[in-house]
Amino acid sequence: MDWNTIGPVLMTLPLFGLMVMTVMPRDWQNLQGWLIVSFVAIPGLLLVICFPPLVFGLLFFAGVFANRKR
């Protein structure tokens, strides 16, 4: 990875964090809450949502292709 791939991510995560902060409780609407939501909560939520289907999909296709006759 280089800055051409990491740079846009580092710029868009805070923007998504600002959108999420509009629905957060008043106590979280400060700089610390914004940074936590931007750089921890959003990537963590994406990992929780995206990682299991990828792993189980990989296992499923490995099983399908392992069952093929040669």
N, C-alpha and C. Protein backbone atom coordinates (compact mmCIF):
# COMPACT_ATOMS: atom_id res chain seq x y z
N MET A 1 0.84 -1.19 0.00
CA MET A 1 0.00 0.00 0.00
C MET A 1 0.88 1.24 0.00
N ASP A 2 0.41 2.20 -0.71
CA ASP A 2 1.13 3.47 -0.74
C ASP A 2 0.15 4.60 -0.42
N TRP A 3 0.64 5.81 -0.52
CA TRP A 3 -0.18 6.96 -0.14
C TRP A 3 -1.33 7.20 -1.10
N ASN A 4 -1.22 6.65 -2.33
CA ASN A 4 -2.32 6.82 -3.28
C ASN A 4 -3.56 6.03 -2.87
N THR A 5 -3.38 4.98 -2.08
CA THR A 5 -4.53 4.21 -1.62
C THR A 5 -4.93 4.57 -0.20
N ILE A 6 -3.97 4.91 0.64
CA ILE A 6 -4.27 5.23 2.04
C ILE A 6 -4.79 6.66 2.18
N GLY A 7 -4.27 7.57 1.38
CA GLY A 7 -4.64 8.98 1.48
C GLY A 7 -6.13 9.24 1.34
N PRO A 8 -6.77 8.74 0.27
CA PRO A 8 -8.22 8.97 0.16
C PRO A 8 -9.02 8.37 1.30
N VAL A 9 -8.59 7.23 1.81
CA VAL A 9 -9.29 6.62 2.94
C VAL A 9 -9.18 7.50 4.17
N LEU A 10 -7.98 8.03 4.42
CA LEU A 10 -7.78 8.89 5.58
C LEU A 10 -8.56 10.20 5.45
N MET A 11 -8.87 10.61 4.21
CA MET A 11 -9.65 11.83 4.03
C MET A 11 -11.15 11.57 4.09
N THR A 12 -11.61 10.40 3.63
CA THR A 12 -13.05 10.16 3.59
C THR A 12 -13.61 9.64 4.91
N LEU A 13 -12.80 8.94 5.71
CA LEU A 13 -13.31 8.45 6.99
C LEU A 13 -13.79 9.58 7.90
N PRO A 14 -13.04 10.69 8.03
CA PRO A 14 -13.58 11.79 8.86
C PRO A 14 -14.86 12.40 8.29
N LEU A 15 -15.01 12.40 6.96
CA LEU A 15 -16.26 12.92 6.38
C LEU A 15 -17.43 12.01 6.71
N PHE A 16 -17.22 10.70 6.61
CA PHE A 16 -18.27 9.77 7.03
C PHE A 16 -18.53 9.91 8.53
N GLY A 17 -17.47 10.15 9.30
CA GLY A 17 -17.63 10.36 10.73
C GLY A 17 -18.49 11.58 11.04
N LEU A 18 -18.33 12.65 10.25
CA LEU A 18 -19.16 13.84 10.45
C LEU A 18 -20.63 13.52 10.18
N MET A 19 -20.89 12.71 9.15
CA MET A 19 -22.29 12.35 8.87
C MET A 19 -22.87 11.51 10.00
N VAL A 20 -22.07 10.60 10.54
CA VAL A 20 -22.56 9.75 11.63
C VAL A 20 -22.75 10.57 12.90
N MET A 21 -21.90 11.56 13.12
CA MET A 21 -21.98 12.36 14.34
C MET A 21 -23.28 13.15 14.45
N THR A 22 -23.97 13.36 13.34
CA THR A 22 -25.23 14.11 13.40
C THR A 22 -26.32 13.34 14.14
N VAL A 23 -26.18 12.02 14.25
CA VAL A 23 -27.19 11.21 14.94
C VAL A 23 -26.68 10.65 16.26
N MET A 24 -25.48 11.04 16.66
CA MET A 24 -24.92 10.55 17.92
C MET A 24 -25.47 11.37 19.09
N PRO A 25 -25.42 10.80 20.30
CA PRO A 25 -25.85 11.57 21.48
C PRO A 25 -25.01 12.83 21.67
N ARG A 26 -25.57 13.79 22.35
CA ARG A 26 -24.90 15.09 22.54
C ARG A 26 -23.55 14.95 23.24
N ASP A 27 -23.41 13.99 24.15
CA ASP A 27 -22.15 13.81 24.88
C ASP A 27 -21.02 13.37 23.95
N TRP A 28 -21.34 12.72 22.86
CA TRP A 28 -20.31 12.23 21.93
C TRP A 28 -19.93 13.27 20.89
N GLN A 29 -20.69 14.34 20.79
CA GLN A 29 -20.45 15.30 19.72
C GLN A 29 -19.35 16.28 20.10
N ASN A 30 -18.14 15.75 20.17
CA ASN A 30 -16.95 16.56 20.40
C ASN A 30 -15.82 15.97 19.56
N LEU A 31 -14.64 16.53 19.65
CA LEU A 31 -13.53 16.08 18.81
C LEU A 31 -13.15 14.64 19.10
N GLN A 32 -13.10 14.27 20.36
CA GLN A 32 -12.72 12.90 20.72
C GLN A 32 -13.75 11.90 20.18
N GLY A 33 -15.02 12.18 20.33
CA GLY A 33 -16.06 11.29 19.81
C GLY A 33 -16.00 11.18 18.30
N TRP A 34 -15.74 12.29 17.63
CA TRP A 34 -15.65 12.30 16.17
C TRP A 34 -14.49 11.44 15.70
N LEU A 35 -13.33 11.56 16.37
CA LEU A 35 -12.17 10.76 15.97
C LEU A 35 -12.39 9.27 16.25
N ILE A 36 -13.03 8.96 17.38
CA ILE A 36 -13.31 7.55 17.69
C ILE A 36 -14.26 6.97 16.65
N VAL A 37 -15.31 7.71 16.33
CA VAL A 37 -16.27 7.22 15.34
C VAL A 37 -15.61 7.09 13.98
N SER A 38 -14.78 8.07 13.60
CA SER A 38 -14.18 8.07 12.27
C SER A 38 -13.17 6.95 12.08
N PHE A 39 -12.27 6.78 13.03
CA PHE A 39 -11.14 5.89 12.80
C PHE A 39 -11.23 4.55 13.53
N VAL A 40 -12.23 4.36 14.39
CA VAL A 40 -12.38 3.08 15.09
C VAL A 40 -13.72 2.43 14.77
N ALA A 41 -14.79 3.17 14.95
CA ALA A 41 -16.13 2.58 14.83
C ALA A 41 -16.49 2.23 13.39
N ILE A 42 -16.23 3.12 12.44
CA ILE A 42 -16.61 2.84 11.06
C ILE A 42 -15.79 1.69 10.48
N PRO A 43 -14.44 1.68 10.60
CA PRO A 43 -13.70 0.51 10.10
C PRO A 43 -14.04 -0.77 10.87
N GLY A 44 -14.28 -0.65 12.17
CA GLY A 44 -14.65 -1.84 12.95
C GLY A 44 -15.98 -2.41 12.51
N LEU A 45 -16.95 -1.53 12.25
CA LEU A 45 -18.25 -1.99 11.77
C LEU A 45 -18.13 -2.65 10.40
N LEU A 46 -17.31 -2.08 9.54
CA LEU A 46 -17.10 -2.70 8.23
C LEU A 46 -16.46 -4.08 8.35
N LEU A 47 -15.52 -4.22 9.27
CA LEU A 47 -14.91 -5.54 9.49
C LEU A 47 -15.92 -6.54 10.02
N VAL A 48 -16.75 -6.11 10.95
CA VAL A 48 -17.74 -7.02 11.54
C VAL A 48 -18.77 -7.44 10.49
N ILE A 49 -19.13 -6.53 9.60
CA ILE A 49 -20.14 -6.84 8.59
C ILE A 49 -19.54 -7.60 7.40
N CYS A 50 -18.36 -7.21 6.94
CA CYS A 50 -17.80 -7.76 5.71
C CYS A 50 -16.95 -9.01 5.91
N PHE A 51 -16.30 -9.14 7.02
CA PHE A 51 -15.34 -10.25 7.20
C PHE A 51 -16.00 -11.62 7.25
N PRO A 52 -17.07 -11.84 8.03
CA PRO A 52 -17.66 -13.19 8.07
C PRO A 52 -18.19 -13.68 6.72
N PRO A 53 -18.90 -12.87 5.92
CA PRO A 53 -19.32 -13.39 4.61
C PRO A 53 -18.15 -13.73 3.71
N LEU A 54 -17.08 -12.96 3.79
CA LEU A 54 -15.91 -13.27 2.97
C LEU A 54 -15.29 -14.59 3.38
N VAL A 55 -15.15 -14.82 4.68
CA VAL A 55 -14.54 -16.07 5.15
C VAL A 55 -15.43 -17.25 4.82
N PHE A 56 -16.73 -17.15 5.13
CA PHE A 56 -17.61 -18.28 4.86
C PHE A 56 -17.82 -18.48 3.36
N GLY A 57 -17.80 -17.42 2.59
CA GLY A 57 -17.87 -17.56 1.14
C GLY A 57 -16.64 -18.26 0.60
N LEU A 58 -15.48 -17.91 1.14
CA LEU A 58 -14.25 -18.59 0.73
C LEU A 58 -14.29 -20.06 1.09
N LEU A 59 -14.76 -20.38 2.28
CA LEU A 59 -14.89 -21.79 2.68
C LEU A 59 -15.90 -22.52 1.80
N PHE A 60 -17.01 -21.86 1.47
CA PHE A 60 -18.02 -22.48 0.62
C PHE A 60 -17.45 -22.81 -0.76
N PHE A 61 -16.79 -21.83 -1.38
CA PHE A 61 -16.24 -22.08 -2.71
C PHE A 61 -15.09 -23.07 -2.68
N ALA A 62 -14.33 -23.08 -1.59
CA ALA A 62 -13.28 -24.11 -1.46
C ALA A 62 -13.91 -25.49 -1.42
N GLY A 63 -15.03 -25.63 -0.72
CA GLY A 63 -15.74 -26.91 -0.68
C GLY A 63 -16.34 -27.28 -2.01
N VAL A 64 -16.89 -26.31 -2.73
CA VAL A 64 -17.48 -26.58 -4.05
C VAL A 64 -16.41 -27.04 -5.02
N PHE A 65 -15.29 -26.34 -5.04
CA PHE A 65 -14.24 -26.70 -5.99
C PHE A 65 -13.48 -27.95 -5.56
N ALA A 66 -13.48 -28.27 -4.28
CA ALA A 66 -12.83 -29.50 -3.83
C ALA A 66 -13.66 -30.72 -4.21
N ASN A 67 -14.95 -30.55 -4.42
CA ASN A 67 -15.85 -31.66 -4.74
C ASN A 67 -15.82 -32.01 -6.23
N ARG A 68 -15.24 -31.18 -7.06
CA ARG A 68 -15.20 -31.43 -8.50
C ARG A 68 -14.34 -32.64 -8.82
N LYS A 69 -14.77 -33.36 -9.84
CA LYS A 69 -13.96 -34.49 -10.31
C LYS A 69 -12.87 -33.97 -11.22
N ARG A 70 -11.76 -34.63 -11.18
CA ARG A 70 -10.63 -34.17 -12.01
C ARG A 70 -10.57 -34.91 -13.31
